[in-house]
C-alpha cells in the first residue's frame, strides 16, 4: 500500500502542474485549448489544487499506517471518477487531444492497481485471521 500511494501521489504532480502553474502557456502546447481570462485560469488552478491535495494526502498516508487503506480507496475513487468523466466525454464529445487519452489510460491503470492492492491486502488479512483463528481453536480445544 505504501509504495502504491507514493507512486500514485508522485505521478500526479506533473499532471497538477500542467493544469495550473501557467495554464495560458502550458495547455495550448498539449491540448486544443486557449486559456483566456481570469475565469478559465481560475478553473485550471482549482484543478491543480485538487490534484496537489490528492498528492499530499497520498504521501502523508503512505507514512501514516492507519490512513493507508482509506487513502488507497480514495485514490481508486479519484482515478475512476476522472476516467468515467473522460469516457463519457469520449462517447458524447468525441476524441480529445492525445495527452487527455493518456491521462485516461493512467487513471484507469491507477484505479485498477489500487483495487488490486486492496484485494491483496484483504486476502493477506483474511489469511492471517485464519491462521491465528486456527491456533485459537486448537488452544480452546485443549483447555
N, C-alpha and C. Protein backbone atom coordinates (compact mmCIF):
# COMPACT_ATOMS: atom_id res chain seq x y z
N UNK A 1 0.81 -1.19 0.00
CA UNK A 1 0.00 0.00 0.00
C UNK A 1 0.86 1.26 0.00
N UNK A 2 1.92 1.22 0.79
CA UNK A 2 2.78 2.40 0.89
C UNK A 2 3.37 2.75 -0.47
N UNK A 3 3.90 1.78 -1.17
CA UNK A 3 4.51 2.03 -2.48
C UNK A 3 3.47 2.55 -3.47
N UNK A 4 2.29 1.94 -3.48
CA UNK A 4 1.23 2.39 -4.37
C UNK A 4 0.91 3.87 -4.12
N UNK A 5 0.75 4.24 -2.85
CA UNK A 5 0.41 5.62 -2.52
C UNK A 5 1.51 6.59 -2.91
N UNK A 6 2.75 6.22 -2.71
CA UNK A 6 3.86 7.09 -3.10
C UNK A 6 3.92 7.27 -4.62
N UNK A 7 3.79 6.17 -5.34
CA UNK A 7 3.84 6.24 -6.81
C UNK A 7 2.65 7.04 -7.34
N UNK A 8 1.46 6.73 -6.85
CA UNK A 8 0.26 7.45 -7.31
C UNK A 8 0.38 8.93 -6.99
N UNK A 9 0.85 9.25 -5.80
CA UNK A 9 0.99 10.65 -5.40
C UNK A 9 2.00 11.39 -6.24
N UNK A 10 3.17 10.83 -6.40
CA UNK A 10 4.23 11.50 -7.15
C UNK A 10 3.87 11.61 -8.63
N UNK A 11 3.19 10.62 -9.17
CA UNK A 11 2.84 10.65 -10.59
C UNK A 11 1.85 11.77 -10.90
N UNK A 12 1.05 12.17 -9.93
CA UNK A 12 0.06 13.23 -10.17
C UNK A 12 0.67 14.63 -10.17
N UNK A 13 1.87 14.79 -9.65
CA UNK A 13 2.48 16.13 -9.59
C UNK A 13 2.60 16.78 -10.96
N UNK A 14 3.18 16.10 -11.97
CA UNK A 14 3.27 16.78 -13.28
C UNK A 14 1.91 17.07 -13.90
N UNK A 15 0.92 16.21 -13.64
CA UNK A 15 -0.44 16.47 -14.14
C UNK A 15 -0.96 17.75 -13.52
N UNK A 16 -0.81 17.85 -12.20
CA UNK A 16 -1.27 19.05 -11.49
C UNK A 16 -0.60 20.30 -12.02
N UNK A 17 0.70 20.23 -12.17
CA UNK A 17 1.44 21.41 -12.62
C UNK A 17 1.11 21.77 -14.07
N UNK A 18 0.81 20.77 -14.89
CA UNK A 18 0.46 21.06 -16.28
C UNK A 18 -0.85 21.84 -16.37
N UNK A 19 -1.75 21.63 -15.42
CA UNK A 19 -3.02 22.34 -15.42
C UNK A 19 -2.91 23.76 -14.87
N UNK A 20 -2.09 23.96 -13.84
CA UNK A 20 -2.26 25.18 -13.10
C UNK A 20 -1.13 26.16 -12.96
N UNK A 21 0.11 25.80 -13.20
CA UNK A 21 1.19 26.75 -12.98
C UNK A 21 1.03 27.96 -13.90
N UNK A 22 0.91 27.69 -15.18
CA UNK A 22 0.67 28.76 -16.16
C UNK A 22 -0.21 28.19 -17.26
N UNK A 23 -1.51 28.03 -16.99
CA UNK A 23 -2.38 27.36 -17.96
C UNK A 23 -2.42 28.03 -19.33
N UNK A 24 -2.30 29.35 -19.39
CA UNK A 24 -2.35 30.04 -20.68
C UNK A 24 -1.15 29.67 -21.56
N UNK A 25 -0.02 29.33 -20.95
CA UNK A 25 1.17 28.95 -21.71
C UNK A 25 1.27 27.44 -21.92
N UNK A 26 0.90 26.67 -20.89
CA UNK A 26 1.10 25.23 -20.92
C UNK A 26 0.05 24.49 -21.73
N UNK A 27 -1.21 24.76 -21.48
CA UNK A 27 -2.28 23.96 -22.07
C UNK A 27 -2.36 24.02 -23.59
N UNK A 28 -2.13 25.17 -24.23
CA UNK A 28 -2.17 25.16 -25.70
C UNK A 28 -1.08 24.29 -26.34
N UNK A 29 0.00 24.04 -25.61
CA UNK A 29 1.08 23.20 -26.15
C UNK A 29 0.67 21.74 -26.23
N UNK A 30 -0.18 21.28 -25.29
CA UNK A 30 -0.53 19.87 -25.21
C UNK A 30 -1.96 19.56 -25.63
N UNK A 31 -2.81 20.57 -25.61
CA UNK A 31 -4.23 20.35 -25.90
C UNK A 31 -4.74 21.46 -26.81
N UNK A 32 -5.89 21.22 -27.36
CA UNK A 32 -6.52 22.21 -28.22
C UNK A 32 -7.32 23.19 -27.34
N UNK A 33 -6.59 23.90 -26.46
CA UNK A 33 -7.22 24.82 -25.51
C UNK A 33 -6.50 26.15 -25.56
N UNK A 34 -7.28 27.19 -25.61
CA UNK A 34 -6.75 28.53 -25.45
C UNK A 34 -7.36 29.07 -24.16
N UNK A 35 -6.51 29.38 -23.21
CA UNK A 35 -6.98 29.88 -21.92
C UNK A 35 -7.01 31.40 -21.99
N UNK A 36 -8.21 31.92 -21.82
CA UNK A 36 -8.39 33.38 -21.89
C UNK A 36 -9.15 33.85 -20.67
N UNK A 37 -8.59 34.78 -19.98
CA UNK A 37 -9.31 35.41 -18.88
C UNK A 37 -9.12 34.74 -17.54
N UNK A 38 -9.52 35.48 -16.54
CA UNK A 38 -9.36 35.06 -15.16
C UNK A 38 -10.19 33.83 -14.82
N UNK A 39 -11.41 33.74 -15.36
CA UNK A 39 -12.28 32.61 -15.01
C UNK A 39 -11.68 31.28 -15.45
N UNK A 40 -11.17 31.21 -16.65
CA UNK A 40 -10.58 29.96 -17.13
C UNK A 40 -9.32 29.63 -16.36
N UNK A 41 -8.48 30.62 -16.12
CA UNK A 41 -7.27 30.39 -15.33
C UNK A 41 -7.64 29.89 -13.94
N UNK A 42 -8.67 30.49 -13.36
CA UNK A 42 -9.15 30.10 -12.03
C UNK A 42 -9.56 28.63 -12.01
N UNK A 43 -10.29 28.18 -13.01
CA UNK A 43 -10.75 26.79 -13.07
C UNK A 43 -9.56 25.84 -13.14
N UNK A 44 -8.57 26.14 -13.98
CA UNK A 44 -7.42 25.25 -14.11
C UNK A 44 -6.55 25.26 -12.86
N UNK A 45 -6.45 26.40 -12.19
CA UNK A 45 -5.68 26.42 -10.94
C UNK A 45 -6.42 25.66 -9.84
N UNK A 46 -7.75 25.69 -9.86
CA UNK A 46 -8.52 24.89 -8.90
C UNK A 46 -8.27 23.41 -9.15
N UNK A 47 -8.23 23.00 -10.41
CA UNK A 47 -7.90 21.60 -10.73
C UNK A 47 -6.51 21.24 -10.22
N UNK A 48 -5.56 22.16 -10.41
CA UNK A 48 -4.22 21.92 -9.90
C UNK A 48 -4.26 21.71 -8.39
N UNK A 49 -5.03 22.55 -7.68
CA UNK A 49 -5.16 22.41 -6.23
C UNK A 49 -5.76 21.07 -5.84
N UNK A 50 -6.77 20.61 -6.59
CA UNK A 50 -7.38 19.31 -6.32
C UNK A 50 -6.34 18.19 -6.46
N UNK A 51 -5.59 18.22 -7.54
CA UNK A 51 -4.56 17.21 -7.76
C UNK A 51 -3.48 17.28 -6.68
N UNK A 52 -3.02 18.49 -6.36
CA UNK A 52 -1.97 18.62 -5.34
C UNK A 52 -2.48 18.20 -3.96
N UNK A 53 -3.77 18.43 -3.69
CA UNK A 53 -4.36 17.93 -2.45
C UNK A 53 -4.33 16.42 -2.40
N UNK A 54 -4.64 15.79 -3.51
CA UNK A 54 -4.60 14.33 -3.59
C UNK A 54 -3.16 13.83 -3.40
N UNK A 55 -2.22 14.50 -4.04
CA UNK A 55 -0.80 14.14 -3.89
C UNK A 55 -0.40 14.21 -2.42
N UNK A 56 -0.73 15.30 -1.78
CA UNK A 56 -0.37 15.49 -0.37
C UNK A 56 -0.98 14.41 0.51
N UNK A 57 -2.26 14.12 0.29
CA UNK A 57 -2.92 13.09 1.09
C UNK A 57 -2.26 11.73 0.88
N UNK A 58 -1.97 11.37 -0.37
CA UNK A 58 -1.34 10.07 -0.64
C UNK A 58 0.02 9.96 0.03
N UNK A 59 0.82 11.01 -0.05
CA UNK A 59 2.16 10.95 0.53
C UNK A 59 2.09 10.90 2.06
N UNK A 60 1.23 11.70 2.66
CA UNK A 60 1.07 11.65 4.12
C UNK A 60 0.57 10.27 4.54
N UNK A 61 -0.43 9.75 3.82
CA UNK A 61 -1.00 8.44 4.17
C UNK A 61 0.02 7.32 4.00
N UNK A 62 0.93 7.45 3.06
CA UNK A 62 1.95 6.42 2.87
C UNK A 62 2.79 6.24 4.14
N UNK A 63 2.95 7.32 4.89
CA UNK A 63 3.74 7.28 6.12
C UNK A 63 2.88 7.27 7.39
N UNK A 64 1.56 7.12 7.21
CA UNK A 64 0.64 7.04 8.34
C UNK A 64 -0.17 5.76 8.17
N UNK A 65 0.29 4.67 8.78
CA UNK A 65 -0.31 3.35 8.52
C UNK A 65 -1.83 3.31 8.68
N UNK A 66 -2.38 4.01 9.68
CA UNK A 66 -3.83 3.94 9.87
C UNK A 66 -4.62 4.67 8.78
N UNK A 67 -3.96 5.45 7.95
CA UNK A 67 -4.63 6.15 6.84
C UNK A 67 -4.48 5.43 5.51
N UNK A 68 -3.60 4.46 5.42
CA UNK A 68 -3.26 3.86 4.13
C UNK A 68 -4.46 3.28 3.39
N UNK A 69 -5.23 2.47 4.06
CA UNK A 69 -6.37 1.81 3.39
C UNK A 69 -7.36 2.85 2.86
N UNK A 70 -7.68 3.83 3.68
CA UNK A 70 -8.60 4.89 3.25
C UNK A 70 -8.01 5.66 2.07
N UNK A 71 -6.72 5.92 2.10
CA UNK A 71 -6.08 6.66 1.01
C UNK A 71 -6.12 5.86 -0.29
N UNK A 72 -5.92 4.56 -0.21
CA UNK A 72 -5.99 3.74 -1.42
C UNK A 72 -7.42 3.75 -1.96
N UNK A 73 -8.39 3.62 -1.07
CA UNK A 73 -9.80 3.67 -1.51
C UNK A 73 -10.08 5.01 -2.17
N UNK A 74 -9.62 6.10 -1.56
CA UNK A 74 -9.84 7.43 -2.14
C UNK A 74 -9.12 7.55 -3.48
N UNK A 75 -7.91 7.02 -3.61
CA UNK A 75 -7.19 7.07 -4.88
C UNK A 75 -7.95 6.33 -5.97
N UNK A 76 -8.55 5.19 -5.62
CA UNK A 76 -9.35 4.43 -6.58
C UNK A 76 -10.55 5.27 -7.02
N UNK A 77 -11.26 5.85 -6.07
CA UNK A 77 -12.41 6.69 -6.42
C UNK A 77 -11.99 7.89 -7.25
N UNK A 78 -10.91 8.53 -6.85
CA UNK A 78 -10.40 9.71 -7.56
C UNK A 78 -10.07 9.35 -9.01
N UNK A 79 -9.30 8.30 -9.20
CA UNK A 79 -8.87 7.91 -10.55
C UNK A 79 -10.05 7.46 -11.40
N UNK A 80 -10.89 6.60 -10.86
CA UNK A 80 -12.03 6.11 -11.63
C UNK A 80 -13.05 7.22 -11.91
N UNK A 81 -13.23 8.15 -11.00
CA UNK A 81 -14.15 9.26 -11.24
C UNK A 81 -13.69 10.10 -12.42
N UNK A 82 -12.40 10.41 -12.44
CA UNK A 82 -11.86 11.17 -13.58
C UNK A 82 -11.99 10.36 -14.88
N UNK A 83 -11.66 9.08 -14.81
CA UNK A 83 -11.73 8.24 -16.01
C UNK A 83 -13.16 8.11 -16.53
N UNK A 84 -14.12 7.97 -15.63
CA UNK A 84 -15.52 7.85 -16.06
C UNK A 84 -15.97 9.13 -16.75
N UNK A 85 -15.58 10.27 -16.20
CA UNK A 85 -15.90 11.54 -16.85
C UNK A 85 -15.28 11.64 -18.22
N UNK A 86 -14.05 11.17 -18.35
CA UNK A 86 -13.37 11.20 -19.65
C UNK A 86 -14.02 10.24 -20.64
N UNK A 87 -14.42 9.07 -20.16
CA UNK A 87 -15.09 8.10 -21.04
C UNK A 87 -16.42 8.66 -21.52
N UNK A 88 -17.17 9.27 -20.62
CA UNK A 88 -18.43 9.91 -21.00
C UNK A 88 -18.19 10.98 -22.07
N UNK A 89 -17.18 11.79 -21.86
CA UNK A 89 -16.85 12.83 -22.83
C UNK A 89 -16.41 12.22 -24.17
N UNK A 90 -15.68 11.13 -24.10
CA UNK A 90 -15.26 10.44 -25.32
C UNK A 90 -16.47 10.00 -26.13
N UNK A 91 -17.48 9.47 -25.44
CA UNK A 91 -18.70 9.00 -26.11
C UNK A 91 -19.52 10.17 -26.64
N UNK A 92 -19.71 11.19 -25.80
CA UNK A 92 -20.59 12.31 -26.14
C UNK A 92 -19.91 13.33 -27.05
N UNK A 93 -18.64 13.64 -26.76
CA UNK A 93 -17.97 14.75 -27.43
C UNK A 93 -16.99 14.34 -28.52
N UNK A 94 -16.54 13.10 -28.50
CA UNK A 94 -15.56 12.66 -29.48
C UNK A 94 -14.17 12.54 -28.87
N UNK A 95 -13.20 12.32 -29.72
CA UNK A 95 -11.82 12.05 -29.29
C UNK A 95 -11.11 13.37 -28.94
N UNK A 96 -10.55 13.43 -27.72
CA UNK A 96 -9.81 14.64 -27.30
C UNK A 96 -8.35 14.57 -27.74
N UNK A 97 -7.57 15.51 -27.25
CA UNK A 97 -6.13 15.54 -27.51
C UNK A 97 -5.47 14.27 -26.97
N UNK A 98 -4.37 13.85 -27.60
CA UNK A 98 -3.68 12.63 -27.15
C UNK A 98 -3.28 12.66 -25.67
N UNK A 99 -2.89 13.80 -25.14
CA UNK A 99 -2.48 13.84 -23.74
C UNK A 99 -3.65 13.48 -22.82
N UNK A 100 -4.87 13.86 -23.20
CA UNK A 100 -6.04 13.53 -22.39
C UNK A 100 -6.38 12.05 -22.48
N UNK A 101 -6.13 11.44 -23.62
CA UNK A 101 -6.29 9.98 -23.73
C UNK A 101 -5.26 9.27 -22.86
N UNK A 102 -4.06 9.82 -22.83
CA UNK A 102 -3.01 9.27 -21.96
C UNK A 102 -3.42 9.38 -20.49
N UNK A 103 -3.94 10.54 -20.09
CA UNK A 103 -4.40 10.73 -18.72
C UNK A 103 -5.49 9.70 -18.38
N UNK A 104 -6.41 9.47 -19.32
CA UNK A 104 -7.48 8.50 -19.09
C UNK A 104 -6.90 7.09 -18.88
N UNK A 105 -5.94 6.72 -19.70
CA UNK A 105 -5.31 5.41 -19.55
C UNK A 105 -4.62 5.29 -18.20
N UNK A 106 -3.94 6.34 -17.78
CA UNK A 106 -3.27 6.33 -16.48
C UNK A 106 -4.29 6.22 -15.35
N UNK A 107 -5.39 6.96 -15.45
CA UNK A 107 -6.42 6.92 -14.41
C UNK A 107 -7.04 5.52 -14.30
N UNK A 108 -7.30 4.90 -15.43
CA UNK A 108 -7.84 3.54 -15.40
C UNK A 108 -6.82 2.57 -14.80
N UNK A 109 -5.56 2.76 -15.13
CA UNK A 109 -4.50 1.90 -14.59
C UNK A 109 -4.35 2.09 -13.08
N UNK A 110 -4.31 3.34 -12.63
CA UNK A 110 -4.16 3.62 -11.20
C UNK A 110 -5.36 3.06 -10.42
N UNK A 111 -6.57 3.28 -10.94
CA UNK A 111 -7.75 2.75 -10.27
C UNK A 111 -7.71 1.24 -10.15
N UNK A 112 -7.33 0.59 -11.23
CA UNK A 112 -7.26 -0.88 -11.23
C UNK A 112 -6.16 -1.39 -10.30
N UNK A 113 -4.99 -0.75 -10.35
CA UNK A 113 -3.91 -1.16 -9.44
C UNK A 113 -4.31 -0.96 -7.98
N UNK A 114 -5.02 0.13 -7.70
CA UNK A 114 -5.50 0.37 -6.35
C UNK A 114 -6.44 -0.72 -5.89
N UNK A 115 -7.35 -1.14 -6.78
CA UNK A 115 -8.25 -2.25 -6.43
C UNK A 115 -7.47 -3.52 -6.16
N UNK A 116 -6.46 -3.79 -6.98
CA UNK A 116 -5.64 -4.98 -6.77
C UNK A 116 -4.89 -4.93 -5.44
N UNK A 117 -4.40 -3.75 -5.07
CA UNK A 117 -3.73 -3.58 -3.78
C UNK A 117 -4.72 -3.87 -2.65
N UNK A 118 -5.93 -3.35 -2.75
CA UNK A 118 -6.94 -3.59 -1.71
C UNK A 118 -7.30 -5.07 -1.61
N UNK A 119 -7.45 -5.73 -2.76
CA UNK A 119 -7.77 -7.16 -2.77
C UNK A 119 -6.63 -7.96 -2.13
N UNK A 120 -5.38 -7.62 -2.49
CA UNK A 120 -4.22 -8.33 -1.92
C UNK A 120 -4.16 -8.15 -0.41
N UNK A 121 -4.37 -6.93 0.06
CA UNK A 121 -4.34 -6.66 1.50
C UNK A 121 -5.47 -7.39 2.23
N UNK A 122 -6.64 -7.45 1.61
CA UNK A 122 -7.77 -8.15 2.24
C UNK A 122 -7.47 -9.64 2.35
N UNK A 123 -6.93 -10.22 1.28
CA UNK A 123 -6.58 -11.65 1.32
C UNK A 123 -5.51 -11.93 2.35
N UNK A 124 -4.55 -11.02 2.45
CA UNK A 124 -3.48 -11.18 3.44
C UNK A 124 -4.06 -11.13 4.85
N UNK A 125 -4.98 -10.19 5.08
CA UNK A 125 -5.60 -10.07 6.40
C UNK A 125 -6.47 -11.28 6.72
N UNK A 126 -7.22 -11.77 5.72
CA UNK A 126 -8.05 -12.95 5.94
C UNK A 126 -7.19 -14.17 6.20
N UNK A 127 -6.07 -14.28 5.49
CA UNK A 127 -5.15 -15.40 5.72
C UNK A 127 -4.55 -15.35 7.10
N UNK A 128 -4.20 -14.17 7.56
CA UNK A 128 -3.65 -14.02 8.91
C UNK A 128 -4.72 -14.35 9.95
N UNK A 129 -5.95 -13.93 9.68
CA UNK A 129 -7.06 -14.22 10.59
C UNK A 129 -7.33 -15.70 10.68
N UNK A 130 -7.26 -16.39 9.55
CA UNK A 130 -7.49 -17.83 9.55
C UNK A 130 -6.39 -18.56 10.30
N UNK A 131 -5.15 -18.12 10.09
CA UNK A 131 -4.04 -18.78 10.78
C UNK A 131 -4.14 -18.55 12.28
N UNK A 132 -4.39 -17.33 12.70
CA UNK A 132 -4.48 -17.09 14.15
C UNK A 132 -5.75 -17.72 14.71
N UNK A 133 -6.82 -17.73 13.92
CA UNK A 133 -8.06 -18.37 14.35
C UNK A 133 -7.88 -19.86 14.55
N UNK A 134 -7.12 -20.51 13.70
CA UNK A 134 -6.92 -21.95 13.85
C UNK A 134 -6.10 -22.25 15.10
N UNK A 135 -5.16 -21.37 15.46
CA UNK A 135 -4.41 -21.56 16.70
C UNK A 135 -5.32 -21.41 17.90
N UNK A 136 -6.21 -20.44 17.83
CA UNK A 136 -7.15 -20.24 18.95
C UNK A 136 -8.07 -21.45 19.09
N UNK A 137 -8.51 -21.98 17.98
CA UNK A 137 -9.39 -23.15 18.04
C UNK A 137 -8.67 -24.33 18.69
N UNK A 138 -7.42 -24.56 18.31
CA UNK A 138 -6.64 -25.66 18.88
C UNK A 138 -6.42 -25.45 20.37
N UNK A 139 -6.12 -24.19 20.76
CA UNK A 139 -5.87 -23.91 22.17
C UNK A 139 -7.15 -24.08 22.97
N UNK A 140 -8.27 -23.67 22.44
CA UNK A 140 -9.53 -23.80 23.19
C UNK A 140 -9.95 -25.26 23.29
N UNK A 141 -9.59 -26.07 22.32
CA UNK A 141 -9.94 -27.49 22.38
C UNK A 141 -9.11 -28.19 23.45
N UNK A 142 -7.87 -27.73 23.66
CA UNK A 142 -7.01 -28.35 24.67
C UNK A 142 -7.43 -27.94 26.07
N UNK A 143 -7.86 -26.65 26.22
CA UNK A 143 -8.13 -26.09 27.54
C UNK A 143 -9.46 -26.43 28.02
